[in-house]
C-alpha cells in the first residue's frame, strides 16, 4: 500500500505570522526572510509529525491511495480521516492499463476515526491479478488554519515551538513528542487493528 499527497500545503496557507507571535519574535529585522524559512520548516515538521501520529489530515487536500488487494470484498477502511469525498477510483493491470471505475459502485461512510469505502453492489471493484487499484479522495479538517480544531492547532504550535527551540541540537523528527503535545492529540489517535486496514 502507498499513500501519496496530490498537492503540497501552500506556504501562504501556513500560520507563519501566528507562529512568530507564539514565539514572541520581533519583526522588521534584516533576517526576517531567513527566519520565515526556519519557521516554515518547523511548522511543516510539526504538521507531518502530528498527522503521522494521529492518522488524521489537518489541512484539507487530495490524496491517492494505491493498494493491491481489498481487506474485505465489500468494505475497505481508508488510511486517513476525516475523508470528505471520494474523487476517483481506477484499476491498473500488471501491464499498466488503467480502467476508471464508476463512482456509483461505491459509497463513502464518513467517520471521524475510521472512514470506509463500501460497495453499493455485491462487492468492491475487482483488482486485476498482479495489478492494483488507486483510490483518490479528499481528507482534512479544514482548507485553512482558522478552521482547524483548537486542540490540534495548539498541538502544532507547541510542537513547532519545540522544534524551533532544539533546531541546533537534534533532528526535528526524532520520534519524541513533548508531553503537552501528546496530551492534546491523544483523543485523535486511531487504534490500529489488522495492520491498520480493518473494516
N, C-alpha and C. Protein backbone atom coordinates (compact mmCIF):
# COMPACT_ATOMS: atom_id res chain seq x y z
N UNK A 1 0.84 -1.19 0.00
CA UNK A 1 0.00 0.00 0.00
C UNK A 1 0.88 1.24 0.00
N UNK A 2 0.42 2.27 -0.70
CA UNK A 2 1.18 3.51 -0.77
C UNK A 2 0.21 4.68 -0.77
N UNK A 3 0.48 5.66 0.09
CA UNK A 3 -0.35 6.85 0.18
C UNK A 3 0.47 8.04 -0.28
N UNK A 4 -0.09 8.83 -1.21
CA UNK A 4 0.62 9.99 -1.74
C UNK A 4 -0.27 11.22 -1.68
N UNK A 5 0.33 12.35 -1.31
CA UNK A 5 -0.38 13.63 -1.37
C UNK A 5 -0.41 14.09 -2.82
N UNK A 6 -1.54 14.61 -3.25
CA UNK A 6 -1.66 15.10 -4.61
C UNK A 6 -1.24 16.56 -4.73
N UNK A 7 -1.13 17.25 -3.61
CA UNK A 7 -0.65 18.63 -3.62
C UNK A 7 -0.07 18.97 -2.26
N UNK A 8 0.94 19.83 -2.26
CA UNK A 8 1.54 20.29 -1.01
C UNK A 8 0.67 21.38 -0.38
N UNK A 9 0.87 21.61 0.91
CA UNK A 9 0.22 22.73 1.57
C UNK A 9 0.97 23.99 1.14
N UNK A 10 0.29 24.95 0.50
CA UNK A 10 1.00 26.16 0.06
C UNK A 10 1.57 26.94 1.24
N UNK A 11 2.70 27.56 1.02
CA UNK A 11 3.35 28.33 2.08
C UNK A 11 2.43 29.41 2.64
N UNK A 12 1.66 30.05 1.75
CA UNK A 12 0.80 31.15 2.21
C UNK A 12 -0.36 30.67 3.09
N UNK A 13 -0.62 29.37 3.12
CA UNK A 13 -1.66 28.84 4.00
C UNK A 13 -1.13 28.48 5.38
N UNK A 14 0.18 28.48 5.55
CA UNK A 14 0.76 28.16 6.85
C UNK A 14 0.69 29.37 7.78
N UNK A 15 0.45 29.15 9.06
CA UNK A 15 0.27 30.27 10.01
C UNK A 15 1.62 30.82 10.51
N UNK A 16 2.44 31.28 9.58
CA UNK A 16 3.78 31.73 9.96
C UNK A 16 3.71 32.95 10.88
N UNK A 17 2.81 33.90 10.59
CA UNK A 17 2.68 35.08 11.46
C UNK A 17 2.19 34.69 12.85
N UNK A 18 1.22 33.77 12.92
CA UNK A 18 0.73 33.30 14.21
C UNK A 18 1.86 32.61 14.98
N UNK A 19 2.64 31.83 14.27
CA UNK A 19 3.74 31.12 14.92
C UNK A 19 4.79 32.11 15.42
N UNK A 20 5.07 33.13 14.63
CA UNK A 20 6.01 34.17 15.05
C UNK A 20 5.52 34.82 16.35
N UNK A 21 4.20 35.09 16.42
CA UNK A 21 3.63 35.66 17.63
C UNK A 21 3.69 34.68 18.80
N UNK A 22 3.46 33.41 18.52
CA UNK A 22 3.54 32.38 19.56
C UNK A 22 4.93 32.35 20.18
N UNK A 23 5.95 32.53 19.34
CA UNK A 23 7.33 32.52 19.82
C UNK A 23 7.77 33.88 20.36
N UNK A 24 6.91 34.89 20.17
CA UNK A 24 7.21 36.27 20.59
C UNK A 24 8.47 36.80 19.92
N UNK A 25 8.55 36.53 18.62
CA UNK A 25 9.67 37.04 17.84
C UNK A 25 9.32 38.42 17.30
N UNK A 26 10.31 39.26 17.18
CA UNK A 26 10.09 40.59 16.62
C UNK A 26 10.04 40.55 15.10
N UNK A 27 9.67 41.66 14.50
CA UNK A 27 9.64 41.78 13.04
C UNK A 27 10.41 43.04 12.64
N UNK A 28 10.67 43.15 11.34
CA UNK A 28 11.35 44.34 10.84
C UNK A 28 12.86 44.25 10.87
N UNK A 29 13.39 43.04 11.09
CA UNK A 29 14.83 42.87 11.13
C UNK A 29 15.34 42.36 9.79
N UNK A 30 16.62 42.50 9.58
CA UNK A 30 17.21 42.14 8.28
C UNK A 30 17.11 40.65 8.00
N UNK A 31 17.03 39.83 9.05
CA UNK A 31 17.00 38.38 8.83
C UNK A 31 15.58 37.81 8.84
N UNK A 32 14.55 38.66 8.67
CA UNK A 32 13.17 38.18 8.69
C UNK A 32 12.93 37.09 7.66
N UNK A 33 13.47 37.27 6.44
CA UNK A 33 13.24 36.29 5.38
C UNK A 33 13.84 34.94 5.76
N UNK A 34 15.03 34.96 6.36
CA UNK A 34 15.66 33.71 6.81
C UNK A 34 14.83 33.08 7.91
N UNK A 35 14.38 33.89 8.86
CA UNK A 35 13.57 33.38 9.96
C UNK A 35 12.29 32.74 9.44
N UNK A 36 11.68 33.35 8.43
CA UNK A 36 10.44 32.79 7.88
C UNK A 36 10.65 31.39 7.35
N UNK A 37 11.79 31.13 6.70
CA UNK A 37 12.05 29.80 6.18
C UNK A 37 12.25 28.80 7.31
N UNK A 38 12.86 29.24 8.41
CA UNK A 38 13.04 28.37 9.58
C UNK A 38 11.67 28.08 10.21
N UNK A 39 10.84 29.11 10.34
CA UNK A 39 9.51 28.93 10.92
C UNK A 39 8.67 28.00 10.06
N UNK A 40 8.76 28.17 8.75
CA UNK A 40 8.01 27.28 7.84
C UNK A 40 8.45 25.84 8.00
N UNK A 41 9.75 25.61 8.09
CA UNK A 41 10.28 24.26 8.25
C UNK A 41 9.78 23.62 9.55
N UNK A 42 9.76 24.41 10.63
CA UNK A 42 9.28 23.89 11.91
C UNK A 42 7.79 23.56 11.86
N UNK A 43 7.01 24.42 11.22
CA UNK A 43 5.57 24.17 11.10
C UNK A 43 5.30 22.93 10.26
N UNK A 44 5.99 22.79 9.14
CA UNK A 44 5.77 21.62 8.28
C UNK A 44 6.18 20.33 9.01
N UNK A 45 7.27 20.40 9.76
CA UNK A 45 7.69 19.24 10.52
C UNK A 45 6.66 18.85 11.57
N UNK A 46 6.10 19.87 12.25
CA UNK A 46 5.10 19.60 13.28
C UNK A 46 3.82 19.05 12.67
N UNK A 47 3.38 19.61 11.57
CA UNK A 47 2.17 19.12 10.89
C UNK A 47 2.35 17.67 10.47
N UNK A 48 3.49 17.36 9.86
CA UNK A 48 3.74 16.00 9.39
C UNK A 48 3.78 15.02 10.55
N UNK A 49 4.43 15.41 11.65
CA UNK A 49 4.55 14.52 12.80
C UNK A 49 3.19 14.24 13.43
N UNK A 50 2.36 15.27 13.56
CA UNK A 50 1.05 15.09 14.18
C UNK A 50 0.11 14.30 13.27
N UNK A 51 0.18 14.54 11.97
CA UNK A 51 -0.64 13.75 11.04
C UNK A 51 -0.23 12.28 11.08
N UNK A 52 1.08 12.02 11.15
CA UNK A 52 1.55 10.63 11.19
C UNK A 52 1.14 9.96 12.49
N UNK A 53 1.22 10.70 13.60
CA UNK A 53 0.91 10.11 14.91
C UNK A 53 -0.59 9.85 15.08
N UNK A 54 -1.42 10.69 14.50
CA UNK A 54 -2.86 10.57 14.70
C UNK A 54 -3.59 9.84 13.58
N UNK A 55 -2.99 9.78 12.39
CA UNK A 55 -3.71 9.22 11.25
C UNK A 55 -4.79 10.17 10.74
N UNK A 56 -4.63 11.47 11.05
CA UNK A 56 -5.60 12.49 10.63
C UNK A 56 -4.91 13.50 9.72
N UNK A 57 -5.62 13.94 8.68
CA UNK A 57 -5.12 15.03 7.84
C UNK A 57 -5.63 16.34 8.43
N UNK A 58 -4.74 17.27 8.70
CA UNK A 58 -5.16 18.54 9.28
C UNK A 58 -5.67 19.48 8.19
N UNK A 59 -4.80 19.83 7.24
CA UNK A 59 -5.23 20.66 6.11
C UNK A 59 -5.97 19.78 5.10
N UNK A 60 -7.06 20.28 4.60
CA UNK A 60 -7.85 19.54 3.61
C UNK A 60 -7.13 19.58 2.26
N UNK A 61 -6.89 18.40 1.71
CA UNK A 61 -6.20 18.30 0.43
C UNK A 61 -6.43 16.91 -0.16
N UNK A 62 -5.97 16.74 -1.41
CA UNK A 62 -6.19 15.49 -2.10
C UNK A 62 -5.10 14.45 -1.84
N UNK A 63 -5.51 13.19 -1.83
CA UNK A 63 -4.58 12.08 -1.64
C UNK A 63 -4.91 10.98 -2.67
N UNK A 64 -3.90 10.17 -2.95
CA UNK A 64 -4.12 8.98 -3.78
C UNK A 64 -3.54 7.78 -3.03
N UNK A 65 -4.38 6.76 -2.85
CA UNK A 65 -4.00 5.55 -2.12
C UNK A 65 -3.96 4.40 -3.09
N UNK A 66 -2.82 3.73 -3.18
CA UNK A 66 -2.64 2.59 -4.08
C UNK A 66 -2.51 1.32 -3.26
N UNK A 67 -3.31 0.31 -3.60
CA UNK A 67 -3.23 -0.97 -2.90
C UNK A 67 -3.46 -2.12 -3.87
N UNK A 68 -2.99 -3.29 -3.49
CA UNK A 68 -3.04 -4.45 -4.38
C UNK A 68 -4.17 -5.41 -4.06
N UNK A 69 -4.82 -5.23 -2.91
CA UNK A 69 -5.93 -6.11 -2.53
C UNK A 69 -6.82 -5.39 -1.53
N UNK A 70 -8.13 -5.66 -1.59
CA UNK A 70 -9.05 -5.13 -0.59
C UNK A 70 -8.96 -6.00 0.67
N UNK A 71 -9.14 -5.40 1.80
CA UNK A 71 -9.18 -6.18 3.04
C UNK A 71 -10.42 -7.05 3.09
N UNK A 72 -11.53 -6.53 2.54
CA UNK A 72 -12.79 -7.27 2.50
C UNK A 72 -13.42 -7.04 1.14
N UNK A 73 -14.25 -7.96 0.70
CA UNK A 73 -14.87 -7.84 -0.62
C UNK A 73 -15.85 -6.67 -0.70
N UNK A 74 -16.43 -6.28 0.44
CA UNK A 74 -17.48 -5.26 0.42
C UNK A 74 -17.08 -3.94 1.06
N UNK A 75 -16.10 -3.94 1.96
CA UNK A 75 -15.77 -2.71 2.68
C UNK A 75 -14.27 -2.61 2.90
N UNK A 76 -13.76 -1.39 2.79
CA UNK A 76 -12.34 -1.15 2.99
C UNK A 76 -12.15 0.13 3.81
N UNK A 77 -11.45 0.00 4.94
CA UNK A 77 -11.12 1.19 5.74
C UNK A 77 -10.10 2.03 4.98
N UNK A 78 -10.26 3.34 5.06
CA UNK A 78 -9.34 4.26 4.40
C UNK A 78 -8.22 4.65 5.36
N UNK A 79 -7.06 5.04 4.83
CA UNK A 79 -5.88 5.22 5.68
C UNK A 79 -5.81 6.53 6.44
N UNK A 80 -6.70 7.47 6.14
CA UNK A 80 -6.71 8.77 6.80
C UNK A 80 -8.13 9.16 7.17
N UNK A 81 -8.25 10.08 8.09
CA UNK A 81 -9.53 10.68 8.45
C UNK A 81 -9.28 12.17 8.69
N UNK A 82 -10.31 13.00 8.65
CA UNK A 82 -11.63 12.71 8.11
C UNK A 82 -11.64 12.81 6.58
N UNK A 83 -12.30 11.89 5.92
CA UNK A 83 -12.43 11.91 4.47
C UNK A 83 -13.77 12.55 4.12
N UNK A 84 -13.74 13.53 3.24
CA UNK A 84 -14.96 14.25 2.87
C UNK A 84 -15.51 13.85 1.50
N UNK A 85 -14.67 13.26 0.65
CA UNK A 85 -15.15 12.88 -0.69
C UNK A 85 -14.21 11.87 -1.33
N UNK A 86 -14.80 10.93 -2.06
CA UNK A 86 -14.04 10.05 -2.94
C UNK A 86 -14.09 10.70 -4.32
N UNK A 87 -12.93 11.02 -4.89
CA UNK A 87 -12.90 11.77 -6.15
C UNK A 87 -12.57 10.91 -7.36
N UNK A 88 -12.10 9.70 -7.14
CA UNK A 88 -11.80 8.84 -8.28
C UNK A 88 -11.29 7.48 -7.86
N UNK A 89 -11.59 6.48 -8.68
CA UNK A 89 -11.07 5.13 -8.47
C UNK A 89 -10.70 4.57 -9.84
N UNK A 90 -9.54 3.97 -9.93
CA UNK A 90 -9.22 3.27 -11.17
C UNK A 90 -8.42 2.02 -10.85
N UNK A 91 -8.63 1.00 -11.65
CA UNK A 91 -7.86 -0.24 -11.53
C UNK A 91 -6.77 -0.23 -12.60
N UNK A 92 -5.64 -0.80 -12.25
CA UNK A 92 -4.49 -0.81 -13.15
C UNK A 92 -3.98 -2.24 -13.27
N UNK A 93 -3.81 -2.72 -14.49
CA UNK A 93 -3.31 -4.07 -14.72
C UNK A 93 -1.80 -4.13 -14.48
N UNK A 94 -1.29 -5.34 -14.43
CA UNK A 94 0.15 -5.53 -14.28
C UNK A 94 0.92 -4.81 -15.39
N UNK A 95 0.34 -4.74 -16.57
CA UNK A 95 1.00 -4.09 -17.70
C UNK A 95 0.83 -2.58 -17.74
N UNK A 96 0.03 -2.04 -16.82
CA UNK A 96 -0.13 -0.59 -16.75
C UNK A 96 -1.39 -0.04 -17.39
N UNK A 97 -2.25 -0.92 -17.91
CA UNK A 97 -3.51 -0.45 -18.50
C UNK A 97 -4.48 -0.07 -17.39
N UNK A 98 -5.05 1.12 -17.47
CA UNK A 98 -5.93 1.63 -16.41
C UNK A 98 -7.38 1.66 -16.87
N UNK A 99 -8.28 1.41 -15.94
CA UNK A 99 -9.71 1.50 -16.21
C UNK A 99 -10.36 2.29 -15.08
N UNK A 100 -11.07 3.35 -15.47
CA UNK A 100 -11.74 4.20 -14.48
C UNK A 100 -13.00 3.50 -13.99
N UNK A 101 -13.21 3.52 -12.68
CA UNK A 101 -14.37 2.89 -12.06
C UNK A 101 -15.46 3.94 -11.85
N UNK A 102 -16.68 3.61 -12.19
CA UNK A 102 -17.82 4.49 -11.94
C UNK A 102 -18.00 4.64 -10.43
N UNK A 103 -18.00 5.88 -9.96
CA UNK A 103 -18.08 6.11 -8.51
C UNK A 103 -19.41 5.70 -7.91
N UNK A 104 -20.41 5.43 -8.75
CA UNK A 104 -21.68 4.94 -8.22
C UNK A 104 -21.55 3.52 -7.67
N UNK A 105 -20.42 2.86 -7.97
CA UNK A 105 -20.21 1.50 -7.49
C UNK A 105 -19.79 1.47 -6.02
N UNK A 106 -19.48 2.65 -5.45
CA UNK A 106 -19.04 2.70 -4.06
C UNK A 106 -19.72 3.87 -3.36
N UNK A 107 -19.69 3.83 -2.04
CA UNK A 107 -20.12 4.98 -1.25
C UNK A 107 -19.16 5.17 -0.09
N UNK A 108 -19.05 6.41 0.33
CA UNK A 108 -18.18 6.75 1.45
C UNK A 108 -18.97 6.71 2.74
N UNK A 109 -18.47 5.98 3.72
CA UNK A 109 -19.04 6.01 5.06
C UNK A 109 -18.14 6.91 5.90
N UNK A 110 -18.60 8.12 6.16
CA UNK A 110 -17.79 9.08 6.89
C UNK A 110 -17.71 8.70 8.36
N UNK A 111 -16.54 8.88 8.92
CA UNK A 111 -16.31 8.57 10.33
C UNK A 111 -15.09 9.36 10.79
N UNK A 112 -15.15 9.89 12.00
CA UNK A 112 -14.05 10.73 12.47
C UNK A 112 -12.78 9.93 12.74
N UNK A 113 -12.92 8.62 12.96
CA UNK A 113 -11.76 7.78 13.24
C UNK A 113 -11.42 6.82 12.10
N UNK A 114 -12.42 6.19 11.52
CA UNK A 114 -12.18 5.15 10.53
C UNK A 114 -13.19 5.26 9.38
N UNK A 115 -12.99 6.22 8.47
CA UNK A 115 -13.88 6.28 7.29
C UNK A 115 -13.69 5.04 6.43
N UNK A 116 -14.75 4.66 5.73
CA UNK A 116 -14.70 3.42 4.97
C UNK A 116 -15.29 3.59 3.57
N UNK A 117 -14.75 2.80 2.66
CA UNK A 117 -15.26 2.70 1.31
C UNK A 117 -16.13 1.45 1.27
N UNK A 118 -17.38 1.61 0.87
CA UNK A 118 -18.32 0.48 0.90
C UNK A 118 -18.90 0.26 -0.49
N UNK A 119 -18.99 -0.99 -0.89
CA UNK A 119 -19.58 -1.32 -2.19
C UNK A 119 -21.09 -1.04 -2.15
N UNK A 120 -21.62 -0.49 -3.24
CA UNK A 120 -23.07 -0.31 -3.33
C UNK A 120 -23.73 -1.57 -3.89
N UNK A 121 -22.94 -2.43 -4.52
CA UNK A 121 -23.45 -3.70 -5.02
C UNK A 121 -22.91 -4.85 -4.22
N UNK A 122 -22.64 -5.95 -4.90
CA UNK A 122 -22.19 -7.17 -4.21
C UNK A 122 -20.78 -7.06 -3.69
N UNK A 123 -19.92 -6.31 -4.40
CA UNK A 123 -18.52 -6.24 -3.98
C UNK A 123 -17.86 -4.98 -4.52
N UNK A 124 -16.72 -4.67 -3.95
CA UNK A 124 -15.90 -3.57 -4.45
C UNK A 124 -15.34 -3.95 -5.82
N UNK A 125 -14.90 -2.97 -6.61
CA UNK A 125 -14.36 -3.27 -7.95
C UNK A 125 -13.23 -4.29 -7.90
N UNK A 126 -13.25 -5.21 -8.84
CA UNK A 126 -12.23 -6.26 -8.89
C UNK A 126 -10.87 -5.66 -9.23
N UNK A 127 -9.84 -6.11 -8.51
CA UNK A 127 -8.46 -5.68 -8.76
C UNK A 127 -7.79 -6.73 -9.63
N UNK A 128 -7.22 -6.32 -10.77
CA UNK A 128 -6.59 -7.31 -11.66
C UNK A 128 -5.46 -8.07 -10.97
N UNK A 129 -5.31 -9.33 -11.32
CA UNK A 129 -4.22 -10.13 -10.77
C UNK A 129 -2.89 -9.49 -11.13
N UNK A 130 -2.08 -9.25 -10.13
CA UNK A 130 -0.79 -8.62 -10.36
C UNK A 130 -0.87 -7.12 -10.53
N UNK A 131 -2.08 -6.57 -10.47
CA UNK A 131 -2.26 -5.13 -10.64
C UNK A 131 -2.59 -4.45 -9.33
N UNK A 132 -3.25 -3.30 -9.41
CA UNK A 132 -3.60 -2.56 -8.21
C UNK A 132 -4.81 -1.67 -8.46
N UNK A 133 -5.25 -1.04 -7.41
CA UNK A 133 -6.33 -0.07 -7.52
C UNK A 133 -5.86 1.23 -6.90
N UNK A 134 -6.24 2.35 -7.50
CA UNK A 134 -5.89 3.66 -6.99
C UNK A 134 -7.17 4.37 -6.57
N UNK A 135 -7.22 4.76 -5.31
CA UNK A 135 -8.38 5.47 -4.76
C UNK A 135 -7.95 6.90 -4.47
N UNK A 136 -8.60 7.85 -5.10
CA UNK A 136 -8.31 9.27 -4.85
C UNK A 136 -9.40 9.84 -3.97
N UNK A 137 -9.02 10.63 -3.00
CA UNK A 137 -10.00 11.18 -2.07
C UNK A 137 -9.51 12.50 -1.48
N UNK A 138 -10.44 13.23 -0.89
CA UNK A 138 -10.12 14.48 -0.19
C UNK A 138 -10.26 14.22 1.30
N UNK A 139 -9.22 14.58 2.06
CA UNK A 139 -9.24 14.39 3.50
C UNK A 139 -8.71 15.64 4.18
N UNK A 140 -9.19 15.89 5.38
CA UNK A 140 -8.68 17.02 6.16
C UNK A 140 -9.78 17.74 6.90
N UNK A 141 -9.39 18.40 8.00
CA UNK A 141 -10.37 19.11 8.81
C UNK A 141 -10.79 20.44 8.21
N UNK A 142 -9.87 21.11 7.54
CA UNK A 142 -10.18 22.46 7.07
C UNK A 142 -9.24 22.84 5.93
N UNK A 143 -9.72 23.66 4.98
CA UNK A 143 -8.82 24.13 3.92
C UNK A 143 -7.87 25.22 4.42
N UNK A 144 -8.11 25.77 5.61
CA UNK A 144 -7.24 26.82 6.13
C UNK A 144 -7.00 26.64 7.62
N UNK A 145 -6.04 27.38 8.13
CA UNK A 145 -5.63 27.25 9.52
C UNK A 145 -6.76 27.62 10.49
N UNK A 146 -7.52 28.64 10.14
CA UNK A 146 -8.56 29.14 11.05
C UNK A 146 -9.62 28.09 11.35
N UNK A 147 -9.81 27.13 10.45
CA UNK A 147 -10.85 26.13 10.65
C UNK A 147 -10.41 24.87 11.37
N UNK A 148 -9.15 24.82 11.81
CA UNK A 148 -8.64 23.63 12.50
C UNK A 148 -9.28 23.48 13.88
N UNK A 149 -9.46 22.25 14.35
CA UNK A 149 -9.84 22.06 15.76
C UNK A 149 -8.81 22.74 16.66
N UNK A 150 -9.28 23.42 17.70
CA UNK A 150 -8.39 24.22 18.54
C UNK A 150 -7.29 23.40 19.20
N UNK A 151 -7.61 22.19 19.64
CA UNK A 151 -6.58 21.40 20.32
C UNK A 151 -5.49 20.95 19.35
N UNK A 152 -5.86 20.66 18.11
CA UNK A 152 -4.85 20.26 17.13
C UNK A 152 -3.99 21.44 16.70
N UNK A 153 -4.60 22.60 16.51
CA UNK A 153 -3.80 23.77 16.13
C UNK A 153 -2.85 24.15 17.27
N UNK A 154 -3.31 24.03 18.51
CA UNK A 154 -2.42 24.31 19.64
C UNK A 154 -1.29 23.29 19.71
N UNK A 155 -1.59 22.03 19.41
CA UNK A 155 -0.55 21.00 19.41
C UNK A 155 0.51 21.29 18.35
N UNK A 156 0.06 21.75 17.17
CA UNK A 156 1.02 22.10 16.12
C UNK A 156 1.92 23.23 16.58
N UNK A 157 1.34 24.26 17.19
CA UNK A 157 2.14 25.39 17.66
C UNK A 157 3.16 24.95 18.72
N UNK A 158 2.72 24.12 19.66
CA UNK A 158 3.63 23.67 20.71
C UNK A 158 4.77 22.82 20.14
N UNK A 159 4.43 21.91 19.23
CA UNK A 159 5.46 21.04 18.67
C UNK A 159 6.40 21.82 17.76
N UNK A 160 5.85 22.74 16.96
CA UNK A 160 6.70 23.57 16.11
C UNK A 160 7.62 24.44 16.97
N UNK A 161 7.09 24.93 18.10
CA UNK A 161 7.91 25.71 19.01
C UNK A 161 9.03 24.87 19.60
N UNK A 162 8.72 23.64 19.93
CA UNK A 162 9.75 22.71 20.43
C UNK A 162 10.82 22.50 19.38
N UNK A 163 10.41 22.27 18.13
CA UNK A 163 11.38 22.09 17.05
C UNK A 163 12.26 23.33 16.88
N UNK A 164 11.62 24.50 17.00
CA UNK A 164 12.37 25.75 16.86
C UNK A 164 13.44 25.86 17.96
N UNK A 165 13.07 25.51 19.17
CA UNK A 165 13.99 25.65 20.29
C UNK A 165 15.17 24.68 20.21
N UNK A 166 14.95 23.50 19.66
CA UNK A 166 16.02 22.49 19.63
C UNK A 166 16.62 22.32 18.24
N UNK A 167 16.37 23.28 17.36
CA UNK A 167 16.77 23.12 15.96
C UNK A 167 18.28 22.96 15.78
N UNK A 168 19.09 23.44 16.73
CA UNK A 168 20.54 23.31 16.62
C UNK A 168 21.08 22.09 17.39
N UNK A 169 20.19 21.37 18.06
CA UNK A 169 20.66 20.32 18.95
C UNK A 169 20.42 18.91 18.42
N UNK A 170 19.31 18.70 17.67
CA UNK A 170 18.97 17.35 17.24
C UNK A 170 18.04 17.44 16.04
N UNK A 171 17.89 16.36 15.29
CA UNK A 171 16.94 16.37 14.18
C UNK A 171 15.53 16.63 14.69
N UNK A 172 14.72 17.35 13.86
CA UNK A 172 13.37 17.69 14.30
C UNK A 172 12.50 16.47 14.48
N UNK A 173 12.48 15.58 13.50
CA UNK A 173 11.59 14.41 13.56
C UNK A 173 12.31 13.23 14.19
N UNK A 174 12.56 13.32 15.49
CA UNK A 174 13.29 12.26 16.17
C UNK A 174 12.37 11.23 16.83
N UNK A 175 11.06 11.37 16.61
CA UNK A 175 10.11 10.41 17.16
C UNK A 175 9.59 10.77 18.53
N UNK A 176 10.22 11.74 19.20
CA UNK A 176 9.78 12.14 20.53
C UNK A 176 8.67 13.18 20.42
N UNK A 177 7.70 13.08 21.32
CA UNK A 177 6.58 14.01 21.34
C UNK A 177 6.48 14.60 22.74
N UNK A 178 6.66 15.92 22.88
CA UNK A 178 6.55 16.53 24.21
C UNK A 178 5.22 16.18 24.87
N UNK A 179 5.23 16.11 26.20
CA UNK A 179 4.06 15.65 26.95
C UNK A 179 2.81 16.47 26.63
N UNK A 180 2.93 17.79 26.60
CA UNK A 180 1.76 18.63 26.34
C UNK A 180 1.15 18.35 24.97
N UNK A 181 2.00 18.11 23.99
CA UNK A 181 1.53 17.81 22.64
C UNK A 181 0.83 16.45 22.63
N UNK A 182 1.45 15.47 23.25
CA UNK A 182 0.87 14.12 23.30
C UNK A 182 -0.50 14.14 23.96
N UNK A 183 -0.65 14.95 25.00
CA UNK A 183 -1.94 15.04 25.69
C UNK A 183 -3.00 15.62 24.79
N UNK A 184 -2.65 16.66 24.03
CA UNK A 184 -3.61 17.32 23.16
C UNK A 184 -4.08 16.42 22.01
N UNK A 185 -3.20 15.59 21.49
CA UNK A 185 -3.56 14.78 20.32
C UNK A 185 -4.05 13.39 20.67
N UNK A 186 -3.99 13.02 21.95
CA UNK A 186 -4.26 11.63 22.34
C UNK A 186 -5.64 11.16 21.88
N UNK A 187 -6.67 11.98 22.00
CA UNK A 187 -8.01 11.52 21.65
C UNK A 187 -8.21 11.36 20.15
N UNK A 188 -7.29 11.90 19.35
CA UNK A 188 -7.40 11.77 17.90
C UNK A 188 -6.69 10.52 17.38
N UNK A 189 -5.90 9.89 18.20
CA UNK A 189 -5.14 8.73 17.74
C UNK A 189 -6.06 7.56 17.48
N UNK A 190 -5.83 6.86 16.37
CA UNK A 190 -6.64 5.72 15.98
C UNK A 190 -5.97 4.43 16.43
N UNK A 191 -6.73 3.55 17.06
CA UNK A 191 -6.20 2.24 17.41
C UNK A 191 -6.12 1.40 16.13
N UNK A 192 -4.92 0.97 15.81
CA UNK A 192 -4.70 0.20 14.59
C UNK A 192 -5.01 -1.27 14.81
N UNK A 193 -5.83 -1.82 13.92
CA UNK A 193 -6.22 -3.23 14.00
C UNK A 193 -5.91 -3.89 12.66
N UNK A 194 -5.34 -5.07 12.70
CA UNK A 194 -5.05 -5.83 11.47
C UNK A 194 -4.23 -5.00 10.50
N UNK A 195 -3.16 -4.40 11.01
CA UNK A 195 -2.27 -3.65 10.14
C UNK A 195 -2.85 -2.33 9.69
N UNK A 196 -3.86 -1.82 10.39
CA UNK A 196 -4.41 -0.52 10.03
C UNK A 196 -5.39 -0.57 8.90
N UNK A 197 -5.81 -1.75 8.45
CA UNK A 197 -6.70 -1.84 7.30
C UNK A 197 -8.01 -2.52 7.62
N UNK A 198 -8.35 -2.55 8.89
CA UNK A 198 -9.59 -3.25 9.26
C UNK A 198 -10.81 -2.48 8.80
N UNK A 199 -11.89 -3.16 8.65
CA UNK A 199 -13.14 -2.52 8.28
C UNK A 199 -13.84 -2.01 9.52
